[in-house]
Every structure is written in C-alpha cells, then in structure tokens.
C-alpha cells in the first residue's frame, strides 16, 4: 500500500524467542527430571541443650571467725541492709574467677554452736582467756608487711589459726613461734598467697582491732573445686552497706556484691568460681567491708590490680569502715 511503513525487524525476533521458550518448556515436561520441590516451608533445625546438675562440694568444718563486737551506736536503730542491685561486672585480666549466673540451688548452712552462758556470740571469743596470749604473740611477732593471722573456733571449741603469707618458707617457723608453749593447743594452717595479693593484707591490718576483725566471714568450705560455688555468710555489718571483694592470685580485684543476698538478717553469698589454666598452690583472698553508704570506688575500679584499687578504696571509705577477711582455695576439678 502506498505510504505504509515496512514491519520492524523486532517483531520477527520476538516471535523467534517465544517459539524457543515454548519448545524448551515442552521438552522439560516430556523429560521429567527428578527435581524436588518443597511442599511447604521447612522447620528450622532444633538444638537441644541439656542442663548439667551443679556439683556438690564436700562437707567441711564451718569455722567461727573470732570477731569484735560492732559498736552499739552503729547497730542501734539501724535498718537491715537490703541486697545490692546487680550491676555489670567490670572486665578483668584475670582468668581465676568466672562470674556466671547465680545458681538457683541452695544448701542449708551448717549451724554454728550457740554461745555459752554469759557470752554474746562471736564477740565473746575476744575475751576468751585462751586467746589472749595468742593475740599478744600475733601483734608482737607478725610485723612483716605481707603477713596476716586469722584465729577461729571450730564446732568443738578448738582454736584454729590460719597464717596468710606470700613466702611459704617462713610460714612453718612462724606457726611454731605463735603456737608453741600455749596452754591450749592451737591447730595452725598455712595459707599461701601471691605477692600481688599483699596489698589486701596491708589493707586489712589498717584496723586497730587486728587480729580481731569486726566482720565475720564464714565459709561453707575453704576448698572449692573449679566449676563449683563458693558459699558462706557475712555478719557484723547490720545497718551498713556491705561490700564483698575477692583478690585473686593474679592480684586482680573482683566485685562480688551482685552475689550478696540478705536472708533473715544475715548476708549470704553463693559465687560460681572457675580456674582457667594450671593449678596453683596459692589461695584467693576475700575482703568484706561495711560502710555507712555505698562506695563509688568499687563500681569504678573493680578489675584493677589490688594495690591500685585498694589505694583508691581506702581513701574513700576512711578508717571507720568495718572489715572482715577470709581465704579460699580454688582447685582444678578432676577430669
């Protein structure tokens, strides 16, 4: 027709491609390859996690720390402290203590024998005539900077003496000097520390009442396997804010306040501990401190070496803080 434009070549190409696609589809239907089509959405793989039971630590004697009475003016009219709010644990370079979720399992505390007539609990041990000479020896003979003696009474009324030091060579001789010739037999025990823990002993000896501390730290066991829990109580700090610290055998300070629970007027703690690496002969040092208010240094400086931390802490709390001391050995768990 005059004036009509010729058909574009694109239509021819489109028609060819259409024929090719239809031919391929027809071939696939006739061939019927073994394609596996899903009938619906697949469920995600299920992971099963089994909770292991908490190991039970062997029973051991519960020692009664020899502690001084809290001044009546501090305890009179004071309200019982409440458990501190959990707070993040500061990062630490030490592998000794592993802070994990607080276990829900609990064990009844071994009861402490009631005081005799005329006595008033732990404070009565201070006036026990059997201890007077021992205290004099401790104050006069333990003058080296990294030494600390912790007298305690066992369930049968016997006297135990833990001697904390960083030099194991001098411990046997010091124990003999402290206990030999006493009218009452004293069972001595060596507690070896790392030199980096020595600032903790210097901090505790600031208290003029040493070796009689106002706070009593009672441990369910002084020997805990890695992966188990360190359990115990703190008494003597009614009406004050109580802080519990651990200085591990790498000299690092750990804040354990998140593990403190006030139950029936007594502060309890249940701390999961784990040792990473080879076992050592050194113990972990525990410091309990009671102050009129919540100390700020602990939140800010936990995780620092003991010397740096305790210098700041001592400046904040002053000389009136109440102190208690304990030690625990964390051993490698049996494979």
C-alpha atoms as a PDB file:
ATOM      1  CA  UNK A   1       0.000   0.000   0.000  1.00  0.00           C
ATOM      2  CA  UNK A   2       1.293   3.394  -0.899  1.00  0.00           C
ATOM      3  CA  UNK A   3       2.676   5.220   2.192  1.00  0.00           C
ATOM      4  CA  UNK A   4       2.669   2.092   4.525  1.00  0.00           C
ATOM      5  CA  UNK A   5       5.854   1.570   6.671  1.00  0.00           C
ATOM      6  CA  UNK A   6       7.608  -1.838   6.472  1.00  0.00           C
ATOM      7  CA  UNK A   7       7.177  -4.075   9.617  1.00  0.00           C
ATOM      8  CA  UNK A   8      10.048  -3.660  12.056  1.00  0.00           C
ATOM      9  CA  UNK A   9      12.545  -6.462  12.470  1.00  0.00           C
ATOM     10  CA  UNK A  10      11.907  -6.586  16.270  1.00  0.00           C
ATOM     11  CA  UNK A  11       8.648  -8.417  15.781  1.00  0.00           C
ATOM     12  CA  UNK A  12      10.429 -11.182  13.963  1.00  0.00           C
ATOM     13  CA  UNK A  13      12.983 -11.589  16.765  1.00  0.00           C
ATOM     14  CA  UNK A  14      10.275 -11.654  19.438  1.00  0.00           C
ATOM     15  CA  UNK A  15       8.369 -14.338  17.616  1.00  0.00           C
ATOM     16  CA  UNK A  16      11.528 -16.471  17.366  1.00  0.00           C
ATOM     17  CA  UNK A  17      12.298 -16.181  21.073  1.00  0.00           C
ATOM     18  CA  UNK A  18       8.735 -17.114  22.013  1.00  0.00           C
ATOM     19  CA  UNK A  19       8.912 -20.257  19.914  1.00  0.00           C
ATOM     20  CA  UNK A  20      12.243 -21.221  21.550  1.00  0.00           C
ATOM     21  CA  UNK A  21      10.892 -20.800  25.105  1.00  0.00           C
ATOM     22  CA  UNK A  22       7.785 -22.860  24.414  1.00  0.00           C
ATOM     23  CA  UNK A  23       9.877 -25.591  22.826  1.00  0.00           C
ATOM     24  CA  UNK A  24      12.151 -25.762  25.905  1.00  0.00           C
ATOM     25  CA  UNK A  25       9.175 -25.986  28.256  1.00  0.00           C
ATOM     26  CA  UNK A  26       7.625 -28.785  26.243  1.00  0.00           C
ATOM     27  CA  UNK A  27      10.909 -30.708  26.292  1.00  0.00           C
ATOM     28  CA  UNK A  28      11.182 -30.367  30.089  1.00  0.00           C
ATOM     29  CA  UNK A  29       7.688 -31.784  30.581  1.00  0.00           C
ATOM     30  CA  UNK A  30       8.411 -34.748  28.372  1.00  0.00           C
ATOM     31  CA  UNK A  31      11.836 -35.365  30.002  1.00  0.00           C
ATOM     32  CA  UNK A  32      10.541 -35.065  33.641  1.00  0.00           C
ATOM     33  CA  UNK A  33      13.830 -34.535  35.538  1.00  0.00           C
ATOM     34  CA  UNK A  34      13.977 -35.500  39.237  1.00  0.00           C
ATOM     35  CA  UNK A  35      13.507 -32.053  40.685  1.00  0.00           C
ATOM     36  CA  UNK A  36      12.488 -31.996  44.386  1.00  0.00           C
ATOM     37  CA  UNK A  37      10.023 -29.240  45.108  1.00  0.00           C
ATOM     38  CA  UNK A  38       9.157 -28.327  48.707  1.00  0.00           C
ATOM     39  CA  UNK A  39       5.555 -28.929  49.699  1.00  0.00           C
ATOM     40  CA  UNK A  40       5.721 -26.055  52.223  1.00  0.00           C
ATOM     41  CA  UNK A  41       8.031 -24.059  54.493  1.00  0.00           C
ATOM     42  CA  UNK A  42      10.635 -26.211  56.298  1.00  0.00           C
ATOM     43  CA  UNK A  43      11.050 -26.007  60.087  1.00  0.00           C
ATOM     44  CA  UNK A  44      14.398 -24.805  61.464  1.00  0.00           C
ATOM     45  CA  UNK A  45      16.764 -27.361  62.964  1.00  0.00           C
ATOM     46  CA  UNK A  46      16.138 -27.860  66.678  1.00  0.00           C
ATOM     47  CA  UNK A  47      19.078 -27.625  69.076  1.00  0.00           C
ATOM     48  CA  UNK A  48      18.720 -29.465  72.361  1.00  0.00           C
ATOM     49  CA  UNK A  49      20.585 -28.072  75.367  1.00  0.00           C
ATOM     50  CA  UNK A  50      20.930 -30.250  78.458  1.00  0.00           C
ATOM     51  CA  UNK A  51      21.407 -28.513  81.812  1.00  0.00           C
ATOM     52  CA  UNK A  52      24.046 -30.258  83.911  1.00  0.00           C
ATOM     53  CA  UNK A  53      23.443 -30.554  87.670  1.00  0.00           C
ATOM     54  CA  UNK A  54      25.513 -28.328  89.934  1.00  0.00           C
ATOM     55  CA  UNK A  55      28.301 -30.392  91.559  1.00  0.00           C
ATOM     56  CA  UNK A  56      28.019 -30.779  95.314  1.00  0.00           C
ATOM     57  CA  UNK A  57      31.029 -29.639  97.309  1.00  0.00           C
ATOM     58  CA  UNK A  58      32.250 -31.942 100.063  1.00  0.00           C
ATOM     59  CA  UNK A  59      31.207 -31.014 103.574  1.00  0.00           C
ATOM     60  CA  UNK A  60      33.846 -29.459 105.809  1.00  0.00           C
ATOM     61  CA  UNK A  61      34.017 -27.859 109.216  1.00  0.00           C
ATOM     62  CA  UNK A  62      32.451 -24.428 109.487  1.00  0.00           C
ATOM     63  CA  UNK A  63      34.810 -22.185 111.421  1.00  0.00           C
ATOM     64  CA  UNK A  64      33.589 -19.356 113.625  1.00  0.00           C
ATOM     65  CA  UNK A  65      35.813 -16.314 112.986  1.00  0.00           C
ATOM     66  CA  UNK A  66      36.998 -14.526 116.080  1.00  0.00           C
ATOM     67  CA  UNK A  67      35.370 -11.137 115.584  1.00  0.00           C
ATOM     68  CA  UNK A  68      34.979  -7.967 117.603  1.00  0.00           C
ATOM     69  CA  UNK A  69      31.581  -6.578 118.558  1.00  0.00           C
ATOM     70  CA  UNK A  70      30.103  -3.833 116.421  1.00  0.00           C
ATOM     71  CA  UNK A  71      29.769  -0.611 118.450  1.00  0.00           C
ATOM     72  CA  UNK A  72      26.168  -0.349 119.765  1.00  0.00           C
ATOM     73  CA  UNK A  73      25.726   3.137 118.338  1.00  0.00           C
ATOM     74  CA  UNK A  74      26.243   1.759 114.842  1.00  0.00           C
ATOM     75  CA  UNK A  75      23.707  -1.032 115.169  1.00  0.00           C
ATOM     76  CA  UNK A  76      21.050   0.641 117.328  1.00  0.00           C
ATOM     77  CA  UNK A  77      18.053   1.760 115.338  1.00  0.00           C
ATOM     78  CA  UNK A  78      19.670   0.838 112.034  1.00  0.00           C
ATOM     79  CA  UNK A  79      17.636  -0.907 109.397  1.00  0.00           C
ATOM     80  CA  UNK A  80      18.819  -4.176 107.919  1.00  0.00           C
ATOM     81  CA  UNK A  81      20.576  -3.631 104.642  1.00  0.00           C
ATOM     82  CA  UNK A  82      18.973  -4.883 101.505  1.00  0.00           C
ATOM     83  CA  UNK A  83      20.698  -6.865  98.807  1.00  0.00           C
ATOM     84  CA  UNK A  84      22.593  -4.573  96.408  1.00  0.00           C
ATOM     85  CA  UNK A  85      21.216  -4.163  92.951  1.00  0.00           C
ATOM     86  CA  UNK A  86      23.022  -6.371  90.418  1.00  0.00           C
ATOM     87  CA  UNK A  87      25.447  -4.420  88.311  1.00  0.00           C
ATOM     88  CA  UNK A  88      27.760  -5.279  85.433  1.00  0.00           C
ATOM     89  CA  UNK A  89      30.996  -6.940  86.434  1.00  0.00           C
ATOM     90  CA  UNK A  90      33.998  -4.957  85.340  1.00  0.00           C
ATOM     91  CA  UNK A  91      36.219  -6.650  82.753  1.00  0.00           C
ATOM     92  CA  UNK A  92      39.220  -8.321  84.293  1.00  0.00           C
ATOM     93  CA  UNK A  93      42.516  -9.612  83.027  1.00  0.00           C
ATOM     94  CA  UNK A  94      42.395 -12.487  85.473  1.00  0.00           C
ATOM     95  CA  UNK A  95      41.244 -15.967  84.443  1.00  0.00           C
ATOM     96  CA  UNK A  96      40.716 -17.188  88.008  1.00  0.00           C
ATOM     97  CA  UNK A  97      37.167 -16.036  88.742  1.00  0.00           C
ATOM     98  CA  UNK A  98      34.361 -16.612  86.287  1.00  0.00           C
ATOM     99  CA  UNK A  99      31.188 -14.674  87.068  1.00  0.00           C
ATOM    100  CA  UNK A 100      28.212 -16.576  85.686  1.00  0.00           C
ATOM    101  CA  UNK A 101      24.540 -16.635  86.531  1.00  0.00           C
ATOM    102  CA  UNK A 102      23.838 -17.226  90.193  1.00  0.00           C
ATOM    103  CA  UNK A 103      22.821 -20.878  90.671  1.00  0.00           C
ATOM    104  CA  UNK A 104      19.310 -21.435  91.943  1.00  0.00           C
ATOM    105  CA  UNK A 105      20.277 -24.454  94.034  1.00  0.00           C
ATOM    106  CA  UNK A 106      20.871 -23.758  97.696  1.00  0.00           C
ATOM    107  CA  UNK A 107      22.125 -25.748 100.636  1.00  0.00           C
ATOM    108  CA  UNK A 108      21.345 -25.360 104.295  1.00  0.00           C
ATOM    109  CA  UNK A 109      24.107 -23.719 106.226  1.00  0.00           C
ATOM    110  CA  UNK A 110      25.769 -25.782 108.916  1.00  0.00           C
ATOM    111  CA  UNK A 111      24.578 -24.289 112.199  1.00  0.00           C
ATOM    112  CA  UNK A 112      27.086 -22.587 114.445  1.00  0.00           C
ATOM    113  CA  UNK A 113      27.022 -23.771 118.087  1.00  0.00           C
ATOM    114  CA  UNK A 114      25.202 -21.326 120.369  1.00  0.00           C
ATOM    115  CA  UNK A 115      27.322 -19.230 122.739  1.00  0.00           C
ATOM    116  CA  UNK A 116      27.777 -20.274 126.317  1.00  0.00           C
ATOM    117  CA  UNK A 117      26.033 -18.576 129.191  1.00  0.00           C
ATOM    118  CA  UNK A 118      27.173 -15.017 129.639  1.00  0.00           C
ATOM    119  CA  UNK A 119      28.612 -14.821 126.136  1.00  0.00           C
ATOM    120  CA  UNK A 120      27.253 -12.863 123.182  1.00  0.00           C
ATOM    121  CA  UNK A 121      28.160 -14.770 120.068  1.00  0.00           C
ATOM    122  CA  UNK A 122      31.393 -14.180 118.149  1.00  0.00           C
ATOM    123  CA  UNK A 123      32.347 -11.191 120.268  1.00  0.00           C
ATOM    124  CA  UNK A 124      32.726 -13.458 123.297  1.00  0.00           C
ATOM    125  CA  UNK A 125      35.683 -15.186 121.673  1.00  0.00           C
ATOM    126  CA  UNK A 126      37.615 -11.944 122.069  1.00  0.00           C
ATOM    127  CA  UNK A 127      37.504 -12.256 125.856  1.00  0.00           C
ATOM    128  CA  UNK A 128      38.316 -15.972 125.850  1.00  0.00           C
ATOM    129  CA  UNK A 129      41.411 -16.220 128.108  1.00  0.00           C
ATOM    130  CA  UNK A 130      42.808 -18.949 125.872  1.00  0.00           C
ATOM    131  CA  UNK A 131      43.158 -16.408 123.082  1.00  0.00           C
ATOM    132  CA  UNK A 132      44.673 -13.505 124.997  1.00  0.00           C
ATOM    133  CA  UNK A 133      48.273 -14.759 124.793  1.00  0.00           C
ATOM    134  CA  UNK A 134      47.801 -15.807 121.169  1.00  0.00           C
ATOM    135  CA  UNK A 135      46.640 -12.297 120.287  1.00  0.00           C
ATOM    136  CA  UNK A 136      49.650 -10.776 122.036  1.00  0.00           C
ATOM    137  CA  UNK A 137      52.007 -13.023 120.079  1.00  0.00           C
ATOM    138  CA  UNK A 138      50.329 -12.147 116.787  1.00  0.00           C
ATOM    139  CA  UNK A 139      50.601  -8.407 117.417  1.00  0.00           C
ATOM    140  CA  UNK A 140      54.223  -8.558 118.570  1.00  0.00           C
ATOM    141  CA  UNK A 141      55.691 -11.159 116.215  1.00  0.00           C
ATOM    142  CA  UNK A 142      53.856 -10.722 112.915  1.00  0.00           C
ATOM    143  CA  UNK A 143      55.362  -7.404 111.935  1.00  0.00           C
ATOM    144  CA  UNK A 144      56.346  -8.151 108.322  1.00  0.00           C
ATOM    145  CA  UNK A 145      54.182  -6.377 105.719  1.00  0.00           C
ATOM    146  CA  UNK A 146      52.744  -9.437 103.954  1.00  0.00           C
ATOM    147  CA  UNK A 147      51.584 -11.484 106.947  1.00  0.00           C
ATOM    148  CA  UNK A 148      48.134 -11.916 108.455  1.00  0.00           C
ATOM    149  CA  UNK A 149      46.866 -14.290 111.155  1.00  0.00           C
ATOM    150  CA  UNK A 150      43.197 -15.284 111.322  1.00  0.00           C
ATOM    151  CA  UNK A 151      42.190 -17.057 114.560  1.00  0.00           C
ATOM    152  CA  UNK A 152      38.926 -19.007 114.514  1.00  0.00           C
ATOM    153  CA  UNK A 153      36.958 -21.507 116.604  1.00  0.00           C
ATOM    154  CA  UNK A 154      35.752 -24.838 115.236  1.00  0.00           C
ATOM    155  CA  UNK A 155      32.484 -26.595 116.126  1.00  0.00           C
ATOM    156  CA  UNK A 156      34.138 -28.387 119.061  1.00  0.00           C
ATOM    157  CA  UNK A 157      35.533 -25.173 120.510  1.00  0.00           C
ATOM    158  CA  UNK A 158      39.083 -25.818 119.338  1.00  0.00           C
ATOM    159  CA  UNK A 159      41.273 -22.949 118.155  1.00  0.00           C
ATOM    160  CA  UNK A 160      42.377 -22.756 114.537  1.00  0.00           C
ATOM    161  CA  UNK A 161      44.931 -20.283 113.236  1.00  0.00           C
ATOM    162  CA  UNK A 162      45.237 -19.525 109.535  1.00  0.00           C
ATOM    163  CA  UNK A 163      48.502 -17.786 108.698  1.00  0.00           C
ATOM    164  CA  UNK A 164      48.382 -15.903 105.395  1.00  0.00           C
ATOM    165  CA  UNK A 165      51.717 -15.123 103.754  1.00  0.00           C
ATOM    166  CA  UNK A 166      53.354 -14.899 100.341  1.00  0.00           C
ATOM    167  CA  UNK A 167      56.560 -16.667 101.394  1.00  0.00           C
ATOM    168  CA  UNK A 168      55.896 -20.331 102.113  1.00  0.00           C
ATOM    169  CA  UNK A 169      59.399 -20.823 103.532  1.00  0.00           C
ATOM    170  CA  UNK A 170      58.711 -18.675 106.602  1.00  0.00           C
ATOM    171  CA  UNK A 171      55.219 -19.971 107.394  1.00  0.00           C
ATOM    172  CA  UNK A 172      56.159 -23.157 109.363  1.00  0.00           C
ATOM    173  CA  UNK A 173      58.557 -21.277 111.645  1.00  0.00           C
ATOM    174  CA  UNK A 174      56.048 -18.509 112.295  1.00  0.00           C
ATOM    175  CA  UNK A 175      53.307 -21.003 113.123  1.00  0.00           C
ATOM    176  CA  UNK A 176      55.580 -22.709 115.662  1.00  0.00           C
ATOM    177  CA  UNK A 177      56.532 -19.390 117.226  1.00  0.00           C
ATOM    178  CA  UNK A 178      52.886 -18.370 117.549  1.00  0.00           C
ATOM    179  CA  UNK A 179      51.529 -21.621 118.944  1.00  0.00           C
ATOM    180  CA  UNK A 180      54.376 -23.345 120.796  1.00  0.00           C
ATOM    181  CA  UNK A 181      54.066 -23.347 124.588  1.00  0.00           C
ATOM    182  CA  UNK A 182      50.457 -22.181 124.742  1.00  0.00           C
ATOM    183  CA  UNK A 183      48.331 -23.822 127.430  1.00  0.00           C
ATOM    184  CA  UNK A 184      45.652 -24.556 124.845  1.00  0.00           C
ATOM    185  CA  UNK A 185      46.536 -26.458 121.697  1.00  0.00           C
ATOM    186  CA  UNK A 186      46.200 -24.372 118.537  1.00  0.00           C
ATOM    187  CA  UNK A 187      45.960 -26.007 115.139  1.00  0.00           C
ATOM    188  CA  UNK A 188      47.852 -23.941 112.588  1.00  0.00           C
ATOM    189  CA  UNK A 189      47.243 -23.867 108.858  1.00  0.00           C
ATOM    190  CA  UNK A 190      49.380 -22.221 106.180  1.00  0.00           C
ATOM    191  CA  UNK A 191      47.603 -20.112 103.558  1.00  0.00           C
ATOM    192  CA  UNK A 192      49.920 -19.229 100.698  1.00  0.00           C
ATOM    193  CA  UNK A 193      49.212 -16.046  98.734  1.00  0.00           C
ATOM    194  CA  UNK A 194      50.704 -14.490  95.634  1.00  0.00           C
ATOM    195  CA  UNK A 195      52.830 -11.376  96.323  1.00  0.00           C
ATOM    196  CA  UNK A 196      50.365  -9.379  94.218  1.00  0.00           C
ATOM    197  CA  UNK A 197      47.723 -10.043  96.896  1.00  0.00           C
ATOM    198  CA  UNK A 198      49.817  -8.492  99.682  1.00  0.00           C
ATOM    199  CA  UNK A 199      48.086  -5.067  99.434  1.00  0.00           C
ATOM    200  CA  UNK A 200      44.938  -6.840 100.612  1.00  0.00           C
ATOM    201  CA  UNK A 201      46.662  -7.891 103.837  1.00  0.00           C
ATOM    202  CA  UNK A 202      48.029  -4.378 104.368  1.00  0.00           C
ATOM    203  CA  UNK A 203      44.513  -3.012 103.863  1.00  0.00           C
ATOM    204  CA  UNK A 204      43.066  -5.377 106.478  1.00  0.00           C
ATOM    205  CA  UNK A 205      45.779  -4.609 109.033  1.00  0.00           C
ATOM    206  CA  UNK A 206      44.773  -0.954 109.000  1.00  0.00           C
ATOM    207  CA  UNK A 207      42.104  -1.966 111.515  1.00  0.00           C
ATOM    208  CA  UNK A 208      43.426  -1.304 115.029  1.00  0.00           C
ATOM    209  CA  UNK A 209      41.414  -4.288 116.306  1.00  0.00           C
ATOM    210  CA  UNK A 210      43.512  -6.778 114.287  1.00  0.00           C
ATOM    211  CA  UNK A 211      43.676  -9.773 114.678  1.00  0.00           C
ATOM    212  CA  UNK A 212      40.070  -9.419 115.837  1.00  0.00           C
ATOM    213  CA  UNK A 213      38.012  -8.107 112.914  1.00  0.00           C
ATOM    214  CA  UNK A 214      34.502  -6.688 113.372  1.00  0.00           C
ATOM    215  CA  UNK A 215      33.013  -8.589 110.401  1.00  0.00           C
ATOM    216  CA  UNK A 216      32.853 -12.388 110.462  1.00  0.00           C
ATOM    217  CA  UNK A 217      33.246 -14.133 107.092  1.00  0.00           C
ATOM    218  CA  UNK A 218      32.110 -17.757 107.407  1.00  0.00           C
ATOM    219  CA  UNK A 219      32.753 -20.124 104.500  1.00  0.00           C
ATOM    220  CA  UNK A 220      30.908 -23.366 103.912  1.00  0.00           C
ATOM    221  CA  UNK A 221      34.220 -24.776 102.692  1.00  0.00           C
ATOM    222  CA  UNK A 222      37.706 -23.332 102.351  1.00  0.00           C
ATOM    223  CA  UNK A 223      38.446 -25.731  99.490  1.00  0.00           C
ATOM    224  CA  UNK A 224      36.273 -25.377  96.372  1.00  0.00           C
ATOM    225  CA  UNK A 225      36.685 -27.231  93.093  1.00  0.00           C
ATOM    226  CA  UNK A 226      36.720 -25.258  89.860  1.00  0.00           C
ATOM    227  CA  UNK A 227      33.179 -25.089  88.499  1.00  0.00           C
ATOM    228  CA  UNK A 228      31.553 -25.240  91.934  1.00  0.00           C
ATOM    229  CA  UNK A 229      30.264 -22.427  94.139  1.00  0.00           C
ATOM    230  CA  UNK A 230      31.868 -20.544  96.977  1.00  0.00           C
ATOM    231  CA  UNK A 231      29.178 -20.244  99.663  1.00  0.00           C
ATOM    232  CA  UNK A 232      29.155 -18.509 103.005  1.00  0.00           C
ATOM    233  CA  UNK A 233      27.807 -15.707 105.179  1.00  0.00           C
ATOM    234  CA  UNK A 234      28.882 -12.299 106.460  1.00  0.00           C
ATOM    235  CA  UNK A 235      27.755 -10.992 109.839  1.00  0.00           C
ATOM    236  CA  UNK A 236      28.502  -7.954 111.976  1.00  0.00           C
ATOM    237  CA  UNK A 237      27.580  -5.241 109.462  1.00  0.00           C
ATOM    238  CA  UNK A 238      23.943  -4.594 110.370  1.00  0.00           C
ATOM    239  CA  UNK A 239      22.755  -1.165 109.256  1.00  0.00           C
ATOM    240  CA  UNK A 240      25.683  -0.671 106.888  1.00  0.00           C
ATOM    241  CA  UNK A 241      26.301  -1.275 103.222  1.00  0.00           C
ATOM    242  CA  UNK A 242      28.357  -4.466 102.876  1.00  0.00           C
ATOM    243  CA  UNK A 243      30.795  -4.998 100.015  1.00  0.00           C
ATOM    244  CA  UNK A 244      32.444  -8.341  99.264  1.00  0.00           C
ATOM    245  CA  UNK A 245      35.677  -8.365  97.268  1.00  0.00           C
ATOM    246  CA  UNK A 246      37.913 -11.144  96.015  1.00  0.00           C
ATOM    247  CA  UNK A 247      41.579 -10.529  95.261  1.00  0.00           C
ATOM    248  CA  UNK A 248      42.590 -13.485  93.142  1.00  0.00           C
ATOM    249  CA  UNK A 249      46.052 -14.989  92.918  1.00  0.00           C
ATOM    250  CA  UNK A 250      46.837 -12.815  89.922  1.00  0.00           C
ATOM    251  CA  UNK A 251      46.330  -9.772  92.130  1.00  0.00           C
ATOM    252  CA  UNK A 252      43.128  -8.663  90.374  1.00  0.00           C
ATOM    253  CA  UNK A 253      40.203  -7.263  92.368  1.00  0.00           C
ATOM    254  CA  UNK A 254      36.706  -8.685  91.770  1.00  0.00           C
ATOM    255  CA  UNK A 255      33.438  -7.125  92.902  1.00  0.00           C
ATOM    256  CA  UNK A 256      31.170  -9.837  94.349  1.00  0.00           C
ATOM    257  CA  UNK A 257      28.327  -7.582  95.529  1.00  0.00           C
ATOM    258  CA  UNK A 258      25.972  -8.965  92.907  1.00  0.00           C
ATOM    259  CA  UNK A 259      26.106 -12.321  94.698  1.00  0.00           C
ATOM    260  CA  UNK A 260      25.100 -10.984  98.132  1.00  0.00           C
ATOM    261  CA  UNK A 261      21.615 -11.728  99.424  1.00  0.00           C
ATOM    262  CA  UNK A 262      20.174 -10.577 102.744  1.00  0.00           C
ATOM    263  CA  UNK A 263      18.229 -13.500 104.212  1.00  0.00           C
ATOM    264  CA  UNK A 264      16.857 -13.408 107.737  1.00  0.00           C
ATOM    265  CA  UNK A 265      19.170 -10.625 108.844  1.00  0.00           C
ATOM    266  CA  UNK A 266      22.287 -12.466 107.681  1.00  0.00           C
ATOM    267  CA  UNK A 267      24.081 -11.777 104.415  1.00  0.00           C
ATOM    268  CA  UNK A 268      24.657 -14.870 102.322  1.00  0.00           C
ATOM    269  CA  UNK A 269      26.707 -15.301  99.166  1.00  0.00           C
ATOM    270  CA  UNK A 270      26.845 -18.001  96.512  1.00  0.00           C
ATOM    271  CA  UNK A 271      29.577 -17.328  93.954  1.00  0.00           C
ATOM    272  CA  UNK A 272      30.359 -19.628  91.000  1.00  0.00           C
ATOM    273  CA  UNK A 273      34.133 -19.881  90.630  1.00  0.00           C
ATOM    274  CA  UNK A 274      36.321 -21.467  87.978  1.00  0.00           C
ATOM    275  CA  UNK A 275      40.052 -21.725  87.461  1.00  0.00           C
ATOM    276  CA  UNK A 276      41.411 -21.349  83.954  1.00  0.00           C
ATOM    277  CA  UNK A 277      44.823 -22.849  83.380  1.00  0.00           C
ATOM    278  CA  UNK A 278      47.141 -24.905  85.515  1.00  0.00           C
ATOM    279  CA  UNK A 279      46.507 -25.293  89.227  1.00  0.00           C
ATOM    280  CA  UNK A 280      48.489 -23.273  91.773  1.00  0.00           C
ATOM    281  CA  UNK A 281      49.195 -23.534  95.486  1.00  0.00           C
ATOM    282  CA  UNK A 282      48.011 -20.003  96.161  1.00  0.00           C
ATOM    283  CA  UNK A 283      44.629 -19.101  97.675  1.00  0.00           C
ATOM    284  CA  UNK A 284      42.096 -16.426  96.826  1.00  0.00           C
ATOM    285  CA  UNK A 285      41.728 -13.582  99.338  1.00  0.00           C
ATOM    286  CA  UNK A 286      38.272 -12.375 100.445  1.00  0.00           C
ATOM    287  CA  UNK A 287      37.641  -8.923 101.918  1.00  0.00           C
ATOM    288  CA  UNK A 288      34.287  -7.911 103.394  1.00  0.00           C
ATOM    289  CA  UNK A 289      33.859  -4.192 104.077  1.00  0.00           C
ATOM    290  CA  UNK A 290      30.893  -2.458 105.752  1.00  0.00           C
ATOM    291  CA  UNK A 291      30.456   1.287 105.164  1.00  0.00           C
ATOM    292  CA  UNK A 292      27.746   3.842 106.019  1.00  0.00           C
ATOM    293  CA  UNK A 293      26.909   4.292 102.326  1.00  0.00           C
ATOM    294  CA  UNK A 294      27.543   2.610  99.001  1.00  0.00           C
ATOM    295  CA  UNK A 295      31.183   3.154  97.966  1.00  0.00           C
ATOM    296  CA  UNK A 296      31.725   4.501  94.472  1.00  0.00           C
ATOM    297  CA  UNK A 297      35.253   3.143  94.030  1.00  0.00           C
ATOM    298  CA  UNK A 298      34.055  -0.446  93.688  1.00  0.00           C
ATOM    299  CA  UNK A 299      31.904   0.213  90.620  1.00  0.00           C
ATOM    300  CA  UNK A 300      34.566   2.406  89.031  1.00  0.00           C
ATOM    301  CA  UNK A 301      37.760   0.480  89.747  1.00  0.00           C
ATOM    302  CA  UNK A 302      36.845  -3.212  90.066  1.00  0.00           C
ATOM    303  CA  UNK A 303      39.111  -5.246  87.822  1.00  0.00           C
ATOM    304  CA  UNK A 304      42.206  -3.202  88.625  1.00  0.00           C
ATOM    305  CA  UNK A 305      45.258  -4.627  90.430  1.00  0.00           C
ATOM    306  CA  UNK A 306      44.811  -4.820  94.192  1.00  0.00           C
ATOM    307  CA  UNK A 307      47.307  -2.061  95.015  1.00  0.00           C
ATOM    308  CA  UNK A 308      45.712   0.479  92.674  1.00  0.00           C
ATOM    309  CA  UNK A 309      42.174  -0.453  93.715  1.00  0.00           C
ATOM    310  CA  UNK A 310      42.761  -0.515  97.471  1.00  0.00           C
ATOM    311  CA  UNK A 311      44.622   2.809  97.472  1.00  0.00           C
ATOM    312  CA  UNK A 312      41.524   4.460  95.993  1.00  0.00           C
ATOM    313  CA  UNK A 313      39.123   2.435  98.146  1.00  0.00           C
ATOM    314  CA  UNK A 314      40.910   3.261 101.414  1.00  0.00           C
ATOM    315  CA  UNK A 315      40.836   6.982 100.649  1.00  0.00           C
ATOM    316  CA  UNK A 316      37.080   6.852 100.025  1.00  0.00           C
ATOM    317  CA  UNK A 317      35.918   4.767 102.998  1.00  0.00           C
ATOM    318  CA  UNK A 318      38.281   6.195 105.636  1.00  0.00           C
ATOM    319  CA  UNK A 319      39.399   4.477 108.854  1.00  0.00           C
ATOM    320  CA  UNK A 320      35.922   3.817 110.270  1.00  0.00           C
ATOM    321  CA  UNK A 321      34.927   1.049 107.861  1.00  0.00           C
ATOM    322  CA  UNK A 322      34.334  -2.408 109.329  1.00  0.00           C
ATOM    323  CA  UNK A 323      36.466  -5.192 107.810  1.00  0.00           C
ATOM    324  CA  UNK A 324      36.363  -8.973 107.630  1.00  0.00           C
ATOM    325  CA  UNK A 325      38.867 -11.339 105.992  1.00  0.00           C
ATOM    326  CA  UNK A 326      38.695 -14.860 104.595  1.00  0.00           C
ATOM    327  CA  UNK A 327      40.500 -17.093 102.124  1.00  0.00           C
ATOM    328  CA  UNK A 328      39.537 -19.942  99.823  1.00  0.00           C
ATOM    329  CA  UNK A 329      41.480 -22.402  97.695  1.00  0.00           C
ATOM    330  CA  UNK A 330      40.086 -22.997  94.203  1.00  0.00           C
ATOM    331  CA  UNK A 331      41.445 -26.305  92.922  1.00  0.00           C
ATOM    332  CA  UNK A 332      41.316 -27.808  89.497  1.00  0.00           C
ATOM    333  CA  UNK A 333      38.295 -30.057  89.013  1.00  0.00           C
ATOM    334  CA  UNK A 334      39.052 -33.726  88.399  1.00  0.00           C
ATOM    335  CA  UNK A 335      38.697 -34.677  84.712  1.00  0.00           C
END
